[in-house]
C-alpha atoms as a PDB file:
ATOM      1  CA  MET A   1      50.055 -46.155 -11.814  1.00  0.00           C
ATOM      2  CA  HIS A   2      52.692 -43.288 -11.662  1.00  0.00           C
ATOM      3  CA  SER A   3      51.283 -39.974  -9.952  1.00  0.00           C
ATOM      4  CA  LYS A   4      52.320 -38.163 -13.267  1.00  0.00           C
ATOM      5  CA  SER A   5      50.163 -40.217 -15.321  1.00  0.00           C
ATOM      6  CA  PHE A   6      47.285 -40.159 -12.996  1.00  0.00           C
ATOM      7  CA  ILE A   7      47.589 -36.189 -13.128  1.00  0.00           C
ATOM      8  CA  LYS A   8      47.527 -36.098 -17.098  1.00  0.00           C
ATOM      9  CA  ILE A   9      44.493 -38.582 -16.880  1.00  0.00           C
ATOM     10  CA  SER A  10      42.817 -36.247 -14.489  1.00  0.00           C
ATOM     11  CA  LEU A  11      43.344 -33.223 -16.539  1.00  0.00           C
ATOM     12  CA  LEU A  12      42.244 -34.897 -19.830  1.00  0.00           C
ATOM     13  CA  ALA A  13      38.988 -35.928 -18.264  1.00  0.00           C
ATOM     14  CA  SER A  14      38.472 -32.485 -16.623  1.00  0.00           C
ATOM     15  CA  SER A  15      39.332 -30.942 -20.071  1.00  0.00           C
ATOM     16  CA  VAL A  16      36.621 -33.280 -21.611  1.00  0.00           C
ATOM     17  CA  LEU A  17      33.978 -32.236 -18.769  1.00  0.00           C
ATOM     18  CA  VAL A  18      34.473 -28.695 -19.322  1.00  0.00           C
ATOM     19  CA  THR A  19      34.120 -28.986 -23.141  1.00  0.00           C
ATOM     20  CA  LEU A  20      30.860 -31.175 -22.770  1.00  0.00           C
ATOM     21  CA  ILE A  21      29.300 -28.388 -20.264  1.00  0.00           C
ATOM     22  CA  ALA A  22      30.303 -25.606 -22.677  1.00  0.00           C
ATOM     23  CA  CYS A  23      28.414 -27.625 -25.490  1.00  0.00           C
ATOM     24  CA  ASP A  24      25.602 -28.060 -23.460  1.00  0.00           C
ATOM     25  CA  LYS A  25      25.308 -24.504 -22.430  1.00  0.00           C
ATOM     26  CA  ALA A  26      25.677 -23.386 -26.000  1.00  0.00           C
ATOM     27  CA  SER A  27      22.781 -25.747 -27.138  1.00  0.00           C
ATOM     28  CA  MET A  28      20.325 -24.350 -24.421  1.00  0.00           C
ATOM     29  CA  PRO A  29      17.917 -21.917 -25.524  1.00  0.00           C
ATOM     30  CA  ARG A  30      18.323 -18.290 -24.297  1.00  0.00           C
ATOM     31  CA  ALA A  31      15.770 -15.327 -23.707  1.00  0.00           C
ATOM     32  CA  ASP A  32      15.858 -12.886 -26.395  1.00  0.00           C
ATOM     33  CA  GLU A  33      17.000  -9.601 -24.928  1.00  0.00           C
ATOM     34  CA  ILE A  34      14.578  -6.584 -25.662  1.00  0.00           C
ATOM     35  CA  THR A  35      16.523  -3.801 -27.372  1.00  0.00           C
ATOM     36  CA  ASP A  36      13.759  -2.477 -29.652  1.00  0.00           C
ATOM     37  CA  LEU A  37      11.311  -0.782 -27.713  1.00  0.00           C
ATOM     38  CA  THR A  38       9.400   0.507 -30.906  1.00  0.00           C
ATOM     39  CA  ASN A  39       7.577  -2.722 -31.324  1.00  0.00           C
ATOM     40  CA  LYS A  40       5.808  -2.649 -27.932  1.00  0.00           C
ATOM     41  CA  ALA A  41       3.102  -0.745 -26.591  1.00  0.00           C
ATOM     42  CA  LYS A  42       3.730   1.433 -23.749  1.00  0.00           C
ATOM     43  CA  VAL A  43       1.017   1.458 -20.890  1.00  0.00           C
ATOM     44  CA  GLN A  44       0.573   3.305 -17.609  1.00  0.00           C
ATOM     45  CA  ILE A  45      -2.860   3.196 -15.316  1.00  0.00           C
ATOM     46  CA  PHE A  46      -4.074   5.684 -13.058  1.00  0.00           C
ATOM     47  CA  ASN A  47      -6.647   4.765 -10.274  1.00  0.00           C
ATOM     48  CA  ALA A  48      -9.071   7.857  -9.913  1.00  0.00           C
ATOM     49  CA  THR A  49     -11.847   5.388  -8.583  1.00  0.00           C
ATOM     50  CA  THR A  50     -13.406   6.577  -5.180  1.00  0.00           C
ATOM     51  CA  SER A  51     -12.627   4.277  -2.392  1.00  0.00           C
ATOM     52  CA  SER A  52     -10.837   1.743  -4.671  1.00  0.00           C
ATOM     53  CA  PRO A  53      -8.967  -0.728  -2.318  1.00  0.00           C
ATOM     54  CA  GLY A  54      -6.212  -1.037  -5.110  1.00  0.00           C
ATOM     55  CA  ASN A  55      -6.118  -2.383  -8.443  1.00  0.00           C
ATOM     56  CA  LEU A  56      -4.611  -5.353  -9.912  1.00  0.00           C
ATOM     57  CA  VAL A  57      -4.426  -5.312 -13.857  1.00  0.00           C
ATOM     58  CA  THR A  58      -4.229  -8.489 -15.987  1.00  0.00           C
ATOM     59  CA  ILE A  59      -3.663  -8.622 -19.766  1.00  0.00           C
ATOM     60  CA  ASN A  60      -4.555 -11.652 -21.632  1.00  0.00           C
ATOM     61  CA  GLY A  61      -4.699 -13.362 -18.405  1.00  0.00           C
ATOM     62  CA  LEU A  62      -1.526 -12.381 -17.175  1.00  0.00           C
ATOM     63  CA  THR A  63      -1.130  -9.956 -14.099  1.00  0.00           C
ATOM     64  CA  VAL A  64       1.188  -7.064 -14.685  1.00  0.00           C
ATOM     65  CA  ASN A  65       1.531  -5.827 -11.218  1.00  0.00           C
ATOM     66  CA  ASN A  66       1.104  -8.702  -8.682  1.00  0.00           C
ATOM     67  CA  THR A  67       3.285  -6.881  -6.023  1.00  0.00           C
ATOM     68  CA  ALA A  68       2.220  -3.228  -6.605  1.00  0.00           C
ATOM     69  CA  ALA A  69      -1.618  -2.716  -6.601  1.00  0.00           C
ATOM     70  CA  VAL A  70      -2.828   0.614  -8.070  1.00  0.00           C
ATOM     71  CA  THR A  71      -4.078   2.336  -4.860  1.00  0.00           C
ATOM     72  CA  TYR A  72      -6.572   5.237  -5.054  1.00  0.00           C
ATOM     73  CA  GLY A  73      -4.645   8.537  -6.310  1.00  0.00           C
ATOM     74  CA  ASN A  74      -1.511   6.541  -7.849  1.00  0.00           C
ATOM     75  CA  GLY A  75      -0.341   5.059 -10.955  1.00  0.00           C
ATOM     76  CA  TYR A  76       1.469   2.139 -12.019  1.00  0.00           C
ATOM     77  CA  PRO A  77       4.223   2.383 -12.762  1.00  0.00           C
ATOM     78  CA  ALA A  78       4.740   5.285 -10.617  1.00  0.00           C
ATOM     79  CA  THR A  79       7.043   7.156 -12.956  1.00  0.00           C
ATOM     80  CA  ALA A  80       7.227   5.550 -16.362  1.00  0.00           C
ATOM     81  CA  PHE A  81       5.382   2.829 -18.270  1.00  0.00           C
ATOM     82  CA  PHE A  82       5.176  -1.031 -18.667  1.00  0.00           C
ATOM     83  CA  LEU A  83       5.672  -2.974 -22.241  1.00  0.00           C
ATOM     84  CA  THR A  84       3.010  -4.947 -23.619  1.00  0.00           C
ATOM     85  CA  ASP A  85       2.396  -6.446 -27.131  1.00  0.00           C
ATOM     86  CA  PRO A  86       0.456  -4.548 -29.423  1.00  0.00           C
ATOM     87  CA  GLY A  87      -2.606  -5.816 -31.135  1.00  0.00           C
ATOM     88  CA  LEU A  88      -5.998  -6.682 -29.550  1.00  0.00           C
ATOM     89  CA  SER A  89      -5.428  -7.533 -26.000  1.00  0.00           C
ATOM     90  CA  GLU A  90      -8.378  -8.438 -23.105  1.00  0.00           C
ATOM     91  CA  PHE A  91      -7.719  -6.251 -20.101  1.00  0.00           C
ATOM     92  CA  SER A  92      -8.931  -7.035 -16.460  1.00  0.00           C
ATOM     93  CA  ILE A  93      -8.890  -4.785 -13.679  1.00  0.00           C
ATOM     94  CA  ARG A  94      -9.865  -6.531 -10.325  1.00  0.00           C
ATOM     95  CA  PRO A  95      -9.636  -5.344  -6.665  1.00  0.00           C
ATOM     96  CA  SER A  96      -6.534  -6.315  -4.588  1.00  0.00           C
ATOM     97  CA  SER A  97      -8.900  -7.054  -1.593  1.00  0.00           C
ATOM     98  CA  GLY A  98     -12.669  -6.818  -0.758  1.00  0.00           C
ATOM     99  CA  THR A  99     -15.514  -7.473  -2.847  1.00  0.00           C
ATOM    100  CA  ALA A 100     -17.398  -4.196  -3.233  1.00  0.00           C
ATOM    101  CA  GLN A 101     -15.573  -3.384  -6.367  1.00  0.00           C
ATOM    102  CA  PRO A 102     -16.610  -5.528  -9.473  1.00  0.00           C
ATOM    103  CA  VAL A 103     -14.059  -6.917 -11.943  1.00  0.00           C
ATOM    104  CA  LEU A 104     -13.787  -4.469 -14.930  1.00  0.00           C
ATOM    105  CA  ASN A 105     -13.237  -6.355 -18.241  1.00  0.00           C
ATOM    106  CA  PHE A 106     -12.407  -4.629 -21.390  1.00  0.00           C
ATOM    107  CA  PRO A 107     -10.709  -4.776 -24.765  1.00  0.00           C
ATOM    108  CA  ASN A 108      -7.823  -2.587 -25.993  1.00  0.00           C
ATOM    109  CA  SER A 109      -6.404  -2.324 -29.580  1.00  0.00           C
ATOM    110  CA  LEU A 110      -2.893  -0.919 -28.987  1.00  0.00           C
ATOM    111  CA  LYS A 111      -0.258   0.010 -31.394  1.00  0.00           C
ATOM    112  CA  PRO A 112       3.466  -0.659 -31.467  1.00  0.00           C
ATOM    113  CA  GLY A 113       5.415   2.279 -30.094  1.00  0.00           C
ATOM    114  CA  VAL A 114       2.357   4.148 -28.792  1.00  0.00           C
ATOM    115  CA  PHE A 115       2.161   5.207 -25.216  1.00  0.00           C
ATOM    116  CA  TYR A 116      -1.471   4.792 -23.646  1.00  0.00           C
ATOM    117  CA  SER A 117      -2.890   6.100 -20.466  1.00  0.00           C
ATOM    118  CA  ILE A 118      -5.571   4.328 -18.721  1.00  0.00           C
ATOM    119  CA  PHE A 119      -7.680   6.068 -16.101  1.00  0.00           C
ATOM    120  CA  THR A 120     -10.185   4.125 -13.882  1.00  0.00           C
ATOM    121  CA  TYR A 121     -12.794   6.558 -12.110  1.00  0.00           C
ATOM    122  CA  ASP A 122     -16.306   6.733 -10.709  1.00  0.00           C
ATOM    123  CA  THR A 123     -17.072   4.995  -7.432  1.00  0.00           C
ATOM    124  CA  VAL A 124     -16.180   1.702  -6.091  1.00  0.00           C
ATOM    125  CA  ASN A 125     -19.299  -0.115  -6.993  1.00  0.00           C
ATOM    126  CA  ALA A 126     -19.372   1.318 -10.427  1.00  0.00           C
ATOM    127  CA  ILE A 127     -15.705   1.380 -11.602  1.00  0.00           C
ATOM    128  CA  ARG A 128     -15.208   2.636 -15.198  1.00  0.00           C
ATOM    129  CA  GLN A 129     -11.937   3.066 -17.530  1.00  0.00           C
ATOM    130  CA  LEU A 130     -11.062   5.345 -20.090  1.00  0.00           C
ATOM    131  CA  THR A 131      -7.979   4.585 -22.517  1.00  0.00           C
ATOM    132  CA  ILE A 132      -6.401   7.334 -24.447  1.00  0.00           C
ATOM    133  CA  GLU A 133      -3.337   7.465 -26.611  1.00  0.00           C
ATOM    134  CA  SER A 134      -1.091  10.028 -25.020  1.00  0.00           C
ATOM    135  CA  ALA A 135       1.361  12.058 -27.157  1.00  0.00           C
ATOM    136  CA  VAL A 136       4.376  11.725 -24.452  1.00  0.00           C
ATOM    137  CA  GLU A 137       7.503  13.601 -25.406  1.00  0.00           C
ATOM    138  CA  ILE A 138      10.453  14.292 -23.574  1.00  0.00           C
ATOM    139  CA  PRO A 139      11.163  18.144 -23.643  1.00  0.00           C
ATOM    140  CA  SER A 140      14.603  19.020 -25.170  1.00  0.00           C
ATOM    141  CA  ASP A 141      14.978  22.275 -23.261  1.00  0.00           C
ATOM    142  CA  THR A 142      14.755  22.785 -19.514  1.00  0.00           C
ATOM    143  CA  THR A 143      11.066  22.890 -19.577  1.00  0.00           C
ATOM    144  CA  SER A 144       8.642  20.259 -18.319  1.00  0.00           C
ATOM    145  CA  ARG A 145       5.446  18.950 -20.036  1.00  0.00           C
ATOM    146  CA  LEU A 146       1.929  19.148 -18.037  1.00  0.00           C
ATOM    147  CA  ARG A 147      -1.578  17.997 -18.851  1.00  0.00           C
ATOM    148  CA  PHE A 148      -4.584  17.958 -16.821  1.00  0.00           C
ATOM    149  CA  ALA A 149      -7.252  14.977 -16.562  1.00  0.00           C
ATOM    150  CA  ASN A 150     -10.871  15.724 -14.985  1.00  0.00           C
ATOM    151  CA  PHE A 151     -12.159  12.544 -13.086  1.00  0.00           C
ATOM    152  CA  MET A 152     -14.370  14.585 -10.292  1.00  0.00           C
ATOM    153  CA  TYR A 153     -17.077  12.283  -9.513  1.00  0.00           C
ATOM    154  CA  SER A 154     -20.777  13.480  -8.825  1.00  0.00           C
ATOM    155  CA  LYS A 155     -24.305  11.752  -9.032  1.00  0.00           C
ATOM    156  CA  VAL A 156     -25.852  15.106 -10.056  1.00  0.00           C
ATOM    157  CA  GLY A 157     -24.646  17.549 -12.527  1.00  0.00           C
ATOM    158  CA  MET A 158     -21.448  19.246 -12.136  1.00  0.00           C
ATOM    159  CA  PRO A 159     -19.758  22.330 -14.001  1.00  0.00           C
ATOM    160  CA  ASN A 160     -16.760  22.202 -15.880  1.00  0.00           C
ATOM    161  CA  VAL A 161     -13.405  23.526 -14.693  1.00  0.00           C
ATOM    162  CA  ASP A 162     -10.340  25.743 -15.230  1.00  0.00           C
ATOM    163  CA  ILE A 163      -6.862  25.160 -13.803  1.00  0.00           C
ATOM    164  CA  TYR A 164      -5.583  28.504 -12.618  1.00  0.00           C
ATOM    165  CA  SER A 165      -1.609  29.089 -12.261  1.00  0.00           C
ATOM    166  CA  ASN A 166      -0.813  31.510  -9.541  1.00  0.00           C
ATOM    167  CA  ARG A 167       2.665  31.913 -10.689  1.00  0.00           C
ATOM    168  CA  ASN A 168       1.570  32.571 -14.364  1.00  0.00           C
ATOM    169  CA  LYS A 169      -1.513  34.754 -13.041  1.00  0.00           C
ATOM    170  CA  ALA A 170      -3.570  32.890 -15.899  1.00  0.00           C
ATOM    171  CA  VAL A 171      -5.796  29.970 -16.602  1.00  0.00           C
ATOM    172  CA  ILE A 172      -3.599  27.475 -18.292  1.00  0.00           C
ATOM    173  CA  PHE A 173      -6.540  24.574 -18.824  1.00  0.00           C
ATOM    174  CA  SER A 174      -9.893  25.977 -19.492  1.00  0.00           C
ATOM    175  CA  ASN A 175     -13.367  24.526 -19.549  1.00  0.00           C
ATOM    176  CA  VAL A 176     -12.329  21.151 -19.214  1.00  0.00           C
ATOM    177  CA  ALA A 177     -15.229  18.592 -18.628  1.00  0.00           C
ATOM    178  CA  SER A 178     -15.554  15.566 -16.733  1.00  0.00           C
ATOM    179  CA  THR A 179     -13.673  12.519 -17.969  1.00  0.00           C
ATOM    180  CA  GLN A 180     -11.831  14.813 -20.464  1.00  0.00           C
ATOM    181  CA  VAL A 181      -7.974  14.973 -20.628  1.00  0.00           C
ATOM    182  CA  THR A 182      -6.134  18.056 -22.216  1.00  0.00           C
ATOM    183  CA  PRO A 183      -3.217  17.849 -24.618  1.00  0.00           C
ATOM    184  CA  PHE A 184       0.374  18.260 -22.899  1.00  0.00           C
ATOM    185  CA  ILE A 185       1.731  21.722 -22.487  1.00  0.00           C
ATOM    186  CA  PRO A 186       5.320  23.371 -21.841  1.00  0.00           C
ATOM    187  CA  TYR A 187       5.575  24.352 -18.283  1.00  0.00           C
ATOM    188  CA  ALA A 188       8.330  26.179 -16.321  1.00  0.00           C
ATOM    189  CA  SER A 189      10.365  23.888 -14.167  1.00  0.00           C
ATOM    190  CA  LYS A 190      12.180  24.438 -10.684  1.00  0.00           C
ATOM    191  CA  LEU A 191       9.553  27.062 -10.020  1.00  0.00           C
ATOM    192  CA  LEU A 192       6.961  26.610  -7.053  1.00  0.00           C
ATOM    193  CA  ASP A 193       3.403  27.302  -8.152  1.00  0.00           C
ATOM    194  CA  THR A 194      -0.014  26.782  -6.929  1.00  0.00           C
ATOM    195  CA  LEU A 195      -2.698  25.254  -9.023  1.00  0.00           C
ATOM    196  CA  VAL A 196      -6.123  26.363  -8.489  1.00  0.00           C
ATOM    197  CA  VAL A 197      -9.390  24.322  -9.423  1.00  0.00           C
ATOM    198  CA  ARG A 198     -11.989  26.578 -10.403  1.00  0.00           C
ATOM    199  CA  GLN A 199     -15.463  26.325 -11.607  1.00  0.00           C
ATOM    200  CA  ALA A 200     -15.177  27.056 -15.378  1.00  0.00           C
ATOM    201  CA  GLY A 201     -15.507  30.729 -16.053  1.00  0.00           C
ATOM    202  CA  THR A 202     -15.590  31.985 -12.306  1.00  0.00           C
ATOM    203  CA  THR A 203     -13.399  32.459  -9.418  1.00  0.00           C
ATOM    204  CA  THR A 204     -15.044  29.945  -7.426  1.00  0.00           C
ATOM    205  CA  VAL A 205     -12.206  27.829  -5.896  1.00  0.00           C
ATOM    206  CA  LEU A 206     -12.989  23.871  -5.652  1.00  0.00           C
ATOM    207  CA  PHE A 207      -9.390  22.932  -4.625  1.00  0.00           C
ATOM    208  CA  GLN A 208      -5.915  24.119  -4.816  1.00  0.00           C
ATOM    209  CA  LEU A 209      -2.847  22.281  -4.638  1.00  0.00           C
ATOM    210  CA  ASN A 210       0.179  24.497  -3.074  1.00  0.00           C
ATOM    211  CA  SER A 211       3.832  24.497  -3.293  1.00  0.00           C
ATOM    212  CA  VAL A 212       4.157  22.110  -6.628  1.00  0.00           C
ATOM    213  CA  SER A 213       7.305  22.287  -8.669  1.00  0.00           C
ATOM    214  CA  PHE A 214       8.201  20.293 -11.701  1.00  0.00           C
ATOM    215  CA  THR A 215      11.669  18.834 -12.934  1.00  0.00           C
ATOM    216  CA  PRO A 216      13.350  19.647 -16.229  1.00  0.00           C
ATOM    217  CA  GLN A 217      12.641  17.327 -19.094  1.00  0.00           C
ATOM    218  CA  ARG A 218       9.815  15.277 -17.161  1.00  0.00           C
ATOM    219  CA  VAL A 219       6.358  14.809 -18.334  1.00  0.00           C
ATOM    220  CA  TYR A 220       3.311  15.052 -15.664  1.00  0.00           C
ATOM    221  CA  THR A 221      -0.375  14.658 -15.552  1.00  0.00           C
ATOM    222  CA  ALA A 222      -2.409  16.503 -12.883  1.00  0.00           C
ATOM    223  CA  VAL A 223      -5.585  14.434 -12.279  1.00  0.00           C
ATOM    224  CA  LEU A 224      -8.645  16.056 -10.447  1.00  0.00           C
ATOM    225  CA  ARG A 225     -10.258  13.071  -8.412  1.00  0.00           C
ATOM    226  CA  GLY A 226     -13.073  12.735  -5.397  1.00  0.00           C
ATOM    227  CA  SER A 227     -16.471  13.865  -5.045  1.00  0.00           C
ATOM    228  CA  TYR A 228     -17.725  17.181  -6.392  1.00  0.00           C
ATOM    229  CA  VAL A 229     -20.540  16.994  -3.955  1.00  0.00           C
ATOM    230  CA  THR A 230     -19.289  17.982  -0.210  1.00  0.00           C
ATOM    231  CA  PRO A 231     -19.210  17.086   2.737  1.00  0.00           C
ATOM    232  CA  THR A 232     -17.960  13.640   1.659  1.00  0.00           C
ATOM    233  CA  THR A 233     -15.698  10.913   2.621  1.00  0.00           C
ATOM    234  CA  THR A 234     -13.633  10.918  -0.735  1.00  0.00           C
ATOM    235  CA  PRO A 235     -12.989  14.851  -0.787  1.00  0.00           C
ATOM    236  CA  ARG A 236     -11.904  16.861  -4.274  1.00  0.00           C
ATOM    237  CA  THR A 237      -7.938  16.672  -4.431  1.00  0.00           C
ATOM    238  CA  LEU A 238      -5.469  17.133  -7.272  1.00  0.00           C
ATOM    239  CA  SER A 239      -2.830  14.526  -7.992  1.00  0.00           C
ATOM    240  CA  VAL A 240       0.263  14.951  -9.745  1.00  0.00           C
ATOM    241  CA  LEU A 241       1.326  11.637 -11.759  1.00  0.00           C
ATOM    242  CA  THR A 242       4.851  11.515 -13.291  1.00  0.00           C
ATOM    243  CA  ASN A 243       4.278  10.002 -16.811  1.00  0.00           C
ATOM    244  CA  LEU A 244       8.105  10.019 -17.843  1.00  0.00           C
END
């Protein structure tokens, strides 16, 4: 066989092979790209359960944070939310290590396009949860948004609390009861402030968070956690969670 004829046959075979591969790829199923987020529920989880080793979250049998357990005082995701299908879902929160914290199972009926905040709280051997719809809106100006969540723990009665802003010289969240989450309020950004947790209606300081500053067009939740009674291994503290 002449070399020119061999080259022509080789090129013809290669062309047929490429065509077959292209046809095969075209017939393979492809994952749909998610471009419309309005048909998904949006969820963020915060761990305020004292002494918790870290939480793994399962929805309908699928773990959503295999490599990022929600440790005490932190949220998942840290600065956003994860997407899940709307409708009735079975949630399960289990410890990432150890056996002191029992598995917490609960149903949630989620709506499409709605942002949900799930707070775990109480103590490691009596973990509870609160799921709320969150009216998260990104500011259109240079301010931020801030709300307050009270998940301070006590085996005895404890007072409601106020949050006082040193910069504003005023109470910005008033008479907030245990497990209550306030609505978001507009809050000035790029200015240092000290947020003071007070016993409601008094100047008695329970905790204060110094040198806090917020980024424009971001949304935050200040979460009070730890034990009301002192001394304790889980002291009172205020954590700031970035929602968006």
